[in-house]
């Protein structure tokens, strides 16, 4: 579970500390994620996260939405991660729980959209603005403002 501290992660070509709360809903915001289906969506998302190098800090699957707090390498876009989680889970849920498909007459499990935000640690928008202003005004380039002061 997320404890408020950003974790520095590494890939062969990147160092990153990202954390994204991602939220999406079933089509028509129907409360179709219940019981075994609810548990199965959670299992599917956890399995996909593990396969795709996505770190899930917290996950909540409610009857009418999924909320995942996760981190993933910068080689993935937010859209790629959400699309993969939604598409693979939709195929499995429709195959394993046909009654869910019957409740969603359009043939799609998830709404097209999603919500994504970013979580910061000490690097806020104001810190970035000060950093940029400092470098714009700095003539020599030898002095660097610390982002963590």
C-alpha atoms as a PDB file:
ATOM      1  CA  UNK A   1       0.000   0.000   0.000  1.00  0.00           C
ATOM      2  CA  UNK A   2       1.168   3.550  -0.759  1.00  0.00           C
ATOM      3  CA  UNK A   3       2.732   5.231   2.283  1.00  0.00           C
ATOM      4  CA  UNK A   4       3.201   8.730   0.850  1.00  0.00           C
ATOM      5  CA  UNK A   5       6.807   8.288  -0.264  1.00  0.00           C
ATOM      6  CA  UNK A   6       7.692   8.167  -3.944  1.00  0.00           C
ATOM      7  CA  UNK A   7       9.894   5.196  -4.794  1.00  0.00           C
ATOM      8  CA  UNK A   8      12.712   5.573  -7.293  1.00  0.00           C
ATOM      9  CA  UNK A   9      12.494   2.732  -9.820  1.00  0.00           C
ATOM     10  CA  UNK A  10      14.890   1.723 -12.559  1.00  0.00           C
ATOM     11  CA  UNK A  11      14.797   0.122 -15.968  1.00  0.00           C
ATOM     12  CA  UNK A  12      17.872  -0.509 -18.124  1.00  0.00           C
ATOM     13  CA  UNK A  13      17.395   2.914 -19.748  1.00  0.00           C
ATOM     14  CA  UNK A  14      15.474   5.035 -17.252  1.00  0.00           C
ATOM     15  CA  UNK A  15      15.150   6.046 -13.638  1.00  0.00           C
ATOM     16  CA  UNK A  16      11.674   7.172 -12.656  1.00  0.00           C
ATOM     17  CA  UNK A  17       9.378   7.931  -9.737  1.00  0.00           C
ATOM     18  CA  UNK A  18       5.823   8.073 -11.018  1.00  0.00           C
ATOM     19  CA  UNK A  19       2.508   7.374  -9.390  1.00  0.00           C
ATOM     20  CA  UNK A  20      -0.824   7.549 -11.200  1.00  0.00           C
ATOM     21  CA  UNK A  21      -4.324   7.160  -9.803  1.00  0.00           C
ATOM     22  CA  UNK A  22      -6.327   5.633 -12.689  1.00  0.00           C
ATOM     23  CA  UNK A  23     -10.115   5.303 -12.621  1.00  0.00           C
ATOM     24  CA  UNK A  24     -12.570   3.882 -15.153  1.00  0.00           C
ATOM     25  CA  UNK A  25     -16.151   2.616 -15.120  1.00  0.00           C
ATOM     26  CA  UNK A  26     -18.285  -0.060 -16.724  1.00  0.00           C
ATOM     27  CA  UNK A  27     -20.415   1.062 -19.652  1.00  0.00           C
ATOM     28  CA  UNK A  28     -23.393   3.170 -18.602  1.00  0.00           C
ATOM     29  CA  UNK A  29     -21.867   3.195 -15.082  1.00  0.00           C
ATOM     30  CA  UNK A  30     -23.780  -0.042 -14.456  1.00  0.00           C
ATOM     31  CA  UNK A  31     -22.958  -1.818 -11.188  1.00  0.00           C
ATOM     32  CA  UNK A  32     -21.934  -5.072 -12.881  1.00  0.00           C
ATOM     33  CA  UNK A  33     -18.733  -5.690 -10.915  1.00  0.00           C
ATOM     34  CA  UNK A  34     -20.042  -7.705  -8.006  1.00  0.00           C
ATOM     35  CA  UNK A  35     -19.068 -10.871  -6.179  1.00  0.00           C
ATOM     36  CA  UNK A  36     -16.886 -13.194  -8.219  1.00  0.00           C
ATOM     37  CA  UNK A  37     -16.767 -10.748 -11.135  1.00  0.00           C
ATOM     38  CA  UNK A  38     -15.482  -7.996  -8.884  1.00  0.00           C
ATOM     39  CA  UNK A  39     -12.812 -10.284  -7.470  1.00  0.00           C
ATOM     40  CA  UNK A  40     -11.889 -11.514 -10.960  1.00  0.00           C
ATOM     41  CA  UNK A  41     -11.342  -7.962 -12.278  1.00  0.00           C
ATOM     42  CA  UNK A  42      -8.998  -7.337  -9.361  1.00  0.00           C
ATOM     43  CA  UNK A  43      -7.091 -10.565 -10.064  1.00  0.00           C
ATOM     44  CA  UNK A  44      -6.857  -9.805 -13.793  1.00  0.00           C
ATOM     45  CA  UNK A  45      -5.560  -6.284 -13.217  1.00  0.00           C
ATOM     46  CA  UNK A  46      -3.029  -7.531 -10.651  1.00  0.00           C
ATOM     47  CA  UNK A  47      -1.817 -10.270 -13.029  1.00  0.00           C
ATOM     48  CA  UNK A  48      -1.514  -7.844 -15.948  1.00  0.00           C
ATOM     49  CA  UNK A  49       0.331  -5.348 -13.783  1.00  0.00           C
ATOM     50  CA  UNK A  50       2.853  -7.994 -12.807  1.00  0.00           C
ATOM     51  CA  UNK A  51       3.326  -9.125 -16.430  1.00  0.00           C
ATOM     52  CA  UNK A  52       3.772  -5.587 -17.751  1.00  0.00           C
ATOM     53  CA  UNK A  53       6.100  -4.196 -15.061  1.00  0.00           C
ATOM     54  CA  UNK A  54       3.351  -2.071 -13.523  1.00  0.00           C
ATOM     55  CA  UNK A  55       3.553  -1.631  -9.763  1.00  0.00           C
ATOM     56  CA  UNK A  56       0.118  -1.529  -8.187  1.00  0.00           C
ATOM     57  CA  UNK A  57       0.307   0.377  -4.903  1.00  0.00           C
ATOM     58  CA  UNK A  58      -3.420   0.064  -4.193  1.00  0.00           C
ATOM     59  CA  UNK A  59      -6.502  -1.169  -6.039  1.00  0.00           C
ATOM     60  CA  UNK A  60     -10.210  -0.914  -5.365  1.00  0.00           C
ATOM     61  CA  UNK A  61     -12.787  -2.597  -7.575  1.00  0.00           C
ATOM     62  CA  UNK A  62     -16.254  -1.301  -6.767  1.00  0.00           C
ATOM     63  CA  UNK A  63     -19.478  -2.435  -8.433  1.00  0.00           C
ATOM     64  CA  UNK A  64     -19.428   0.618 -10.734  1.00  0.00           C
ATOM     65  CA  UNK A  65     -15.746   1.591 -11.104  1.00  0.00           C
ATOM     66  CA  UNK A  66     -12.117   0.494 -10.850  1.00  0.00           C
ATOM     67  CA  UNK A  67      -9.501   2.622  -9.095  1.00  0.00           C
ATOM     68  CA  UNK A  68      -5.810   1.686  -9.299  1.00  0.00           C
ATOM     69  CA  UNK A  69      -2.891   3.613  -7.829  1.00  0.00           C
ATOM     70  CA  UNK A  70       0.074   2.469  -9.882  1.00  0.00           C
ATOM     71  CA  UNK A  71       3.517   3.220 -11.204  1.00  0.00           C
ATOM     72  CA  UNK A  72       4.937   2.105 -14.526  1.00  0.00           C
ATOM     73  CA  UNK A  73       8.035   2.707 -16.648  1.00  0.00           C
ATOM     74  CA  UNK A  74       8.061   5.811 -18.858  1.00  0.00           C
ATOM     75  CA  UNK A  75       8.181   3.611 -21.965  1.00  0.00           C
ATOM     76  CA  UNK A  76       4.415   3.185 -21.447  1.00  0.00           C
ATOM     77  CA  UNK A  77       1.895   5.957 -21.892  1.00  0.00           C
ATOM     78  CA  UNK A  78      -1.037   6.258 -19.520  1.00  0.00           C
ATOM     79  CA  UNK A  79      -3.358   5.448 -22.433  1.00  0.00           C
ATOM     80  CA  UNK A  80      -1.438   2.247 -23.216  1.00  0.00           C
ATOM     81  CA  UNK A  81      -1.664   1.033 -19.623  1.00  0.00           C
ATOM     82  CA  UNK A  82      -5.377   1.799 -19.264  1.00  0.00           C
ATOM     83  CA  UNK A  83      -6.200   0.308 -22.675  1.00  0.00           C
ATOM     84  CA  UNK A  84      -4.373  -2.918 -21.864  1.00  0.00           C
ATOM     85  CA  UNK A  85      -5.993  -3.283 -18.435  1.00  0.00           C
ATOM     86  CA  UNK A  86      -9.458  -2.572 -19.832  1.00  0.00           C
ATOM     87  CA  UNK A  87      -9.248  -4.705 -22.972  1.00  0.00           C
ATOM     88  CA  UNK A  88      -7.813  -7.844 -21.397  1.00  0.00           C
ATOM     89  CA  UNK A  89     -10.136  -7.663 -18.403  1.00  0.00           C
ATOM     90  CA  UNK A  90     -13.199  -7.092 -20.623  1.00  0.00           C
ATOM     91  CA  UNK A  91     -12.502 -10.167 -22.760  1.00  0.00           C
ATOM     92  CA  UNK A  92     -12.023 -12.353 -19.691  1.00  0.00           C
ATOM     93  CA  UNK A  93     -15.069 -11.045 -17.814  1.00  0.00           C
ATOM     94  CA  UNK A  94     -17.376 -11.501 -20.830  1.00  0.00           C
ATOM     95  CA  UNK A  95     -16.031 -15.018 -21.391  1.00  0.00           C
ATOM     96  CA  UNK A  96     -16.243 -16.065 -17.723  1.00  0.00           C
ATOM     97  CA  UNK A  97     -19.405 -14.158 -16.724  1.00  0.00           C
ATOM     98  CA  UNK A  98     -21.856 -14.077 -19.670  1.00  0.00           C
ATOM     99  CA  UNK A  99     -24.545 -12.474 -17.491  1.00  0.00           C
ATOM    100  CA  UNK A 100     -22.418  -9.309 -17.356  1.00  0.00           C
ATOM    101  CA  UNK A 101     -22.473  -9.062 -21.145  1.00  0.00           C
ATOM    102  CA  UNK A 102     -26.253  -9.423 -21.155  1.00  0.00           C
ATOM    103  CA  UNK A 103     -26.582  -6.448 -18.772  1.00  0.00           C
ATOM    104  CA  UNK A 104     -24.470  -4.309 -21.114  1.00  0.00           C
ATOM    105  CA  UNK A 105     -26.455  -4.347 -24.349  1.00  0.00           C
ATOM    106  CA  UNK A 106     -23.753  -2.499 -26.319  1.00  0.00           C
ATOM    107  CA  UNK A 107     -21.263  -5.360 -26.144  1.00  0.00           C
ATOM    108  CA  UNK A 108     -18.582  -3.375 -24.295  1.00  0.00           C
ATOM    109  CA  UNK A 109     -17.665  -3.719 -20.639  1.00  0.00           C
ATOM    110  CA  UNK A 110     -15.906  -0.397 -20.086  1.00  0.00           C
ATOM    111  CA  UNK A 111     -16.730   3.222 -20.843  1.00  0.00           C
ATOM    112  CA  UNK A 112     -14.382   4.689 -23.430  1.00  0.00           C
ATOM    113  CA  UNK A 113     -12.952   7.282 -21.065  1.00  0.00           C
ATOM    114  CA  UNK A 114     -10.944   7.166 -17.881  1.00  0.00           C
ATOM    115  CA  UNK A 115      -9.510   9.519 -15.296  1.00  0.00           C
ATOM    116  CA  UNK A 116      -5.759   9.805 -14.736  1.00  0.00           C
ATOM    117  CA  UNK A 117      -3.901  12.093 -12.363  1.00  0.00           C
ATOM    118  CA  UNK A 118      -0.336  12.349 -11.220  1.00  0.00           C
ATOM    119  CA  UNK A 119       0.960  12.238  -7.682  1.00  0.00           C
ATOM    120  CA  UNK A 120       3.982  14.286  -6.723  1.00  0.00           C
ATOM    121  CA  UNK A 121       6.383  13.998  -3.859  1.00  0.00           C
ATOM    122  CA  UNK A 122       8.435  17.107  -3.299  1.00  0.00           C
ATOM    123  CA  UNK A 123       8.413  18.228  -6.910  1.00  0.00           C
ATOM    124  CA  UNK A 124       5.323  20.395  -7.255  1.00  0.00           C
ATOM    125  CA  UNK A 125       4.319  22.761 -10.049  1.00  0.00           C
ATOM    126  CA  UNK A 126       5.693  25.673  -8.006  1.00  0.00           C
ATOM    127  CA  UNK A 127       9.073  23.971  -7.571  1.00  0.00           C
ATOM    128  CA  UNK A 128       9.271  23.382 -11.329  1.00  0.00           C
ATOM    129  CA  UNK A 129       8.348  27.024 -12.033  1.00  0.00           C
ATOM    130  CA  UNK A 130      11.087  28.259  -9.657  1.00  0.00           C
ATOM    131  CA  UNK A 131      13.593  25.873 -11.220  1.00  0.00           C
ATOM    132  CA  UNK A 132      12.752  27.081 -14.743  1.00  0.00           C
ATOM    133  CA  UNK A 133      12.818  30.742 -13.727  1.00  0.00           C
ATOM    134  CA  UNK A 134      16.196  30.264 -12.056  1.00  0.00           C
ATOM    135  CA  UNK A 135      17.673  28.748 -15.194  1.00  0.00           C
ATOM    136  CA  UNK A 136      16.146  31.388 -17.417  1.00  0.00           C
ATOM    137  CA  UNK A 137      17.800  34.114 -15.327  1.00  0.00           C
ATOM    138  CA  UNK A 138      21.061  32.279 -14.693  1.00  0.00           C
ATOM    139  CA  UNK A 139      23.763  33.442 -17.143  1.00  0.00           C
ATOM    140  CA  UNK A 140      26.661  31.165 -16.309  1.00  0.00           C
ATOM    141  CA  UNK A 141      24.867  27.845 -16.017  1.00  0.00           C
ATOM    142  CA  UNK A 142      27.277  26.795 -13.227  1.00  0.00           C
ATOM    143  CA  UNK A 143      24.804  27.171 -10.381  1.00  0.00           C
ATOM    144  CA  UNK A 144      21.846  24.801 -10.229  1.00  0.00           C
ATOM    145  CA  UNK A 145      18.865  25.257  -7.951  1.00  0.00           C
ATOM    146  CA  UNK A 146      18.133  22.106  -6.035  1.00  0.00           C
ATOM    147  CA  UNK A 147      14.653  20.812  -6.695  1.00  0.00           C
ATOM    148  CA  UNK A 148      14.416  19.477  -3.175  1.00  0.00           C
ATOM    149  CA  UNK A 149      15.209  22.588  -1.115  1.00  0.00           C
END
